Amino acid sequence: QKHDITGKVAAGTTFAAKKTAEGAKNTYQAAKDTNQKHDVTGKIATGTSTAVQKTKDFNEKHQITTRTADAGRSAFQSAKETNEKHNITGNIKQGVSSAATGVSTSAQQKPQAGGMEGMQQRMAQNAMNGAATKYTGGRVTSVPPVVSNAALDYAKKNPKEAANFAGSAARMAGKVA
């Protein structure tokens, strides 16, 4: 009790708490006085309201929302009409179906010279030729062998991607549920 350290710490803590509370009270009062004097919150509310109203007025004047919706509808309608006129989805489906048929037909052929590698190349070539014929409406009936060989090499190097593509193509052609 000679030095009463605990009492001094308690007194210091109490003093610090009082000063902190007084500082907070003074800060609050200064902010309140500034707001009353300069109407800060009122000006913020007015500015926000004005911005919202000007945005509405601009939209009404220039019909931004309506034009955006109309443009979207028009783009969709144009795409639909183009598809109907040119049968794009039908041609894609036929091309994929033809490619799948080419692969199936090639697989059923008797092995010729070149063994398994030769058969794979012929299957790829037949599939590419069939797809080209269908996709172009008969304008292109054959694809250079280098193209089908490149596709075959890619499939060998990337079997998972090739299997995913083949599955997607078959589903598009209606061959697989």
Protein backbone atom coordinates (compact mmCIF):
# COMPACT_ATOMS: atom_id res chain seq x y z
CA GLN A 1 0.00 0.00 0.00
CA LYS A 2 3.01 2.12 0.11
CA HIS A 3 2.87 3.03 -3.56
CA ASP A 4 -0.76 2.02 -4.39
CA ILE A 5 0.01 1.04 -8.01
CA THR A 6 -3.38 -0.59 -8.54
CA GLY A 7 -5.20 2.55 -7.46
CA LYS A 8 -3.08 4.73 -9.71
CA VAL A 9 -3.68 2.46 -12.73
CA ALA A 10 -7.41 2.48 -12.01
CA ALA A 11 -7.42 6.26 -11.70
CA GLY A 12 -5.45 6.60 -14.96
CA THR A 13 -7.83 4.29 -16.75
CA THR A 14 -10.83 6.20 -15.45
CA PHE A 15 -9.28 9.49 -16.54
CA ALA A 16 -8.56 8.11 -20.03
CA ALA A 17 -12.12 6.78 -20.37
CA LYS A 18 -13.57 10.17 -19.35
CA LYS A 19 -11.37 12.01 -21.86
CA THR A 20 -12.28 9.54 -24.63
CA ALA A 21 -15.99 9.99 -23.88
CA GLU A 22 -15.58 13.78 -23.85
CA GLY A 23 -13.72 13.62 -27.19
CA ALA A 24 -16.46 11.50 -28.73
CA LYS A 25 -19.13 13.85 -27.38
CA ASN A 26 -17.27 16.88 -28.76
CA THR A 27 -16.80 15.22 -32.17
CA TYR A 28 -20.49 14.31 -32.37
CA GLN A 29 -21.50 17.83 -31.38
CA ALA A 30 -19.13 19.39 -33.95
CA ALA A 31 -20.55 17.16 -36.70
CA LYS A 32 -24.10 17.97 -35.62
CA ASP A 33 -23.36 21.72 -35.55
CA THR A 34 -21.68 21.58 -38.98
CA ASN A 35 -24.62 19.68 -40.41
CA GLN A 36 -27.10 22.19 -38.96
CA LYS A 37 -25.07 25.15 -40.17
CA HIS A 38 -24.37 23.84 -43.70
CA ASP A 39 -27.25 21.32 -44.16
CA VAL A 40 -24.86 18.57 -45.31
CA THR A 41 -27.35 15.69 -45.10
CA GLY A 42 -30.03 17.80 -46.81
CA LYS A 43 -27.67 18.62 -49.66
CA ILE A 44 -26.72 14.96 -50.07
CA ALA A 45 -30.39 13.96 -50.16
CA THR A 46 -31.19 16.72 -52.67
CA GLY A 47 -28.23 15.76 -54.86
CA THR A 48 -29.24 12.12 -54.86
CA SER A 49 -32.85 12.96 -55.63
CA THR A 50 -31.78 15.29 -58.44
CA ALA A 51 -29.50 12.63 -59.95
CA VAL A 52 -32.30 10.06 -59.88
CA GLN A 53 -34.76 12.50 -61.47
CA LYS A 54 -32.30 13.57 -64.18
CA THR A 55 -31.64 9.91 -65.00
CA LYS A 56 -35.38 9.30 -65.30
CA ASP A 57 -35.83 12.43 -67.44
CA PHE A 58 -32.95 11.40 -69.73
CA ASN A 59 -34.42 7.92 -70.13
CA GLU A 60 -37.87 9.33 -70.90
CA LYS A 61 -36.46 11.84 -73.40
CA HIS A 62 -34.22 9.38 -75.22
CA GLN A 63 -36.17 6.14 -74.55
CA ILE A 64 -32.97 4.29 -73.55
CA THR A 65 -34.74 1.40 -71.81
CA THR A 66 -37.28 0.98 -74.61
CA ARG A 67 -34.64 1.19 -77.34
CA THR A 68 -32.41 -1.33 -75.58
CA ALA A 69 -35.28 -3.79 -75.22
CA ASP A 70 -36.34 -3.20 -78.85
CA ALA A 71 -32.78 -3.75 -80.07
CA GLY A 72 -32.61 -7.04 -78.19
CA ARG A 73 -35.93 -8.19 -79.62
CA SER A 74 -34.89 -7.10 -83.11
CA ALA A 75 -31.57 -8.94 -82.92
CA PHE A 76 -33.32 -12.10 -81.75
CA GLN A 77 -35.95 -11.80 -84.50
CA SER A 78 -33.26 -11.24 -87.17
CA ALA A 79 -31.34 -14.27 -85.98
CA LYS A 80 -34.54 -16.33 -86.02
CA GLU A 81 -35.44 -15.16 -89.54
CA THR A 82 -31.91 -15.81 -90.83
CA ASN A 83 -32.02 -19.29 -89.36
CA GLU A 84 -35.43 -19.95 -90.94
CA LYS A 85 -34.32 -18.57 -94.32
CA HIS A 86 -31.02 -20.42 -94.47
CA ASN A 87 -31.85 -23.44 -92.29
CA ILE A 88 -28.66 -22.95 -90.27
CA THR A 89 -29.55 -25.26 -87.39
CA GLY A 90 -30.86 -27.86 -89.83
CA ASN A 91 -27.64 -27.73 -91.85
CA ILE A 92 -25.56 -28.07 -88.71
CA LYS A 93 -27.61 -31.04 -87.62
CA GLN A 94 -27.31 -32.64 -91.07
CA GLY A 95 -23.56 -31.98 -91.18
CA VAL A 96 -23.00 -33.56 -87.80
CA SER A 97 -25.24 -36.46 -88.74
CA SER A 98 -23.34 -36.92 -91.98
CA ALA A 99 -20.02 -36.83 -90.15
CA ALA A 100 -21.26 -39.45 -87.69
CA THR A 101 -22.53 -41.58 -90.58
CA GLY A 102 -19.16 -41.24 -92.35
CA VAL A 103 -17.34 -42.44 -89.27
CA SER A 104 -19.77 -45.33 -88.85
CA THR A 105 -19.51 -46.34 -92.52
CA SER A 106 -15.74 -46.17 -92.48
CA ALA A 107 -15.59 -48.31 -89.38
CA GLN A 108 -17.63 -51.01 -91.10
CA GLN A 109 -15.40 -51.15 -94.19
CA LYS A 110 -12.94 -53.98 -94.62
CA PRO A 111 -9.39 -53.15 -93.57
CA GLN A 112 -7.27 -52.09 -96.54
CA ALA A 113 -3.62 -51.30 -96.96
CA GLY A 114 -2.21 -49.31 -94.07
CA GLY A 115 -3.80 -51.41 -91.34
CA MET A 116 -5.40 -49.65 -88.38
CA GLU A 117 -3.70 -46.32 -89.14
CA GLY A 118 -4.99 -46.36 -92.71
CA MET A 119 -8.50 -47.21 -91.53
CA GLN A 120 -8.44 -44.35 -89.03
CA GLN A 121 -7.32 -41.95 -91.75
CA ARG A 122 -10.08 -43.13 -94.10
CA MET A 123 -12.67 -42.77 -91.34
CA ALA A 124 -11.52 -39.24 -90.59
CA GLN A 125 -11.48 -38.38 -94.31
CA ASN A 126 -14.99 -39.77 -94.88
CA ALA A 127 -16.33 -37.93 -91.84
CA MET A 128 -14.77 -34.63 -92.94
CA ASN A 129 -16.03 -35.04 -96.52
CA GLY A 130 -19.55 -35.85 -95.31
CA ALA A 131 -19.62 -32.89 -92.96
CA ALA A 132 -18.29 -30.54 -95.64
CA THR A 133 -20.93 -31.73 -98.09
CA LYS A 134 -23.77 -31.19 -95.61
CA TYR A 135 -22.52 -27.90 -94.13
CA THR A 136 -22.04 -26.32 -97.56
CA GLY A 137 -25.16 -27.75 -99.14
CA GLY A 138 -23.07 -29.83 -101.55
CA ARG A 139 -20.84 -26.95 -102.70
CA VAL A 140 -17.82 -28.61 -101.10
CA THR A 141 -17.72 -32.41 -101.27
CA SER A 142 -14.20 -33.21 -100.20
CA VAL A 143 -11.64 -31.88 -97.77
CA PRO A 144 -7.89 -32.22 -98.38
CA PRO A 145 -6.47 -35.25 -96.57
CA VAL A 146 -4.08 -33.00 -94.66
CA VAL A 147 -7.10 -31.52 -92.86
CA SER A 148 -8.57 -34.85 -91.81
CA ASN A 149 -5.10 -36.11 -90.84
CA ALA A 150 -4.57 -33.02 -88.67
CA ALA A 151 -7.94 -33.64 -87.01
CA LEU A 152 -7.02 -37.28 -86.44
CA ASP A 153 -3.65 -36.31 -84.95
CA TYR A 154 -5.36 -33.81 -82.65
CA ALA A 155 -7.83 -36.49 -81.51
CA LYS A 156 -4.96 -38.86 -80.75
CA LYS A 157 -3.12 -36.21 -78.73
CA ASN A 158 -6.27 -34.96 -76.96
CA PRO A 159 -8.51 -38.02 -76.55
CA LYS A 160 -10.71 -36.52 -73.82
CA GLU A 161 -11.49 -33.39 -75.82
CA ALA A 162 -12.10 -35.47 -78.94
CA ALA A 163 -14.48 -37.77 -77.05
CA ASN A 164 -16.37 -34.78 -75.62
CA PHE A 165 -16.67 -33.23 -79.08
CA ALA A 166 -17.83 -36.50 -80.63
CA GLY A 167 -20.46 -36.92 -77.92
CA SER A 168 -21.70 -33.36 -78.42
CA ALA A 169 -21.82 -33.83 -82.17
CA ALA A 170 -23.74 -37.07 -81.87
CA ARG A 171 -26.28 -35.46 -79.51
CA MET A 172 -26.73 -32.57 -81.95
CA ALA A 173 -27.33 -35.01 -84.76
CA GLY A 174 -29.91 -36.85 -82.69
CA LYS A 175 -27.85 -40.04 -82.70
CA VAL A 176 -27.51 -40.21 -78.91
CA ALA A 177 -30.07 -39.17 -76.31
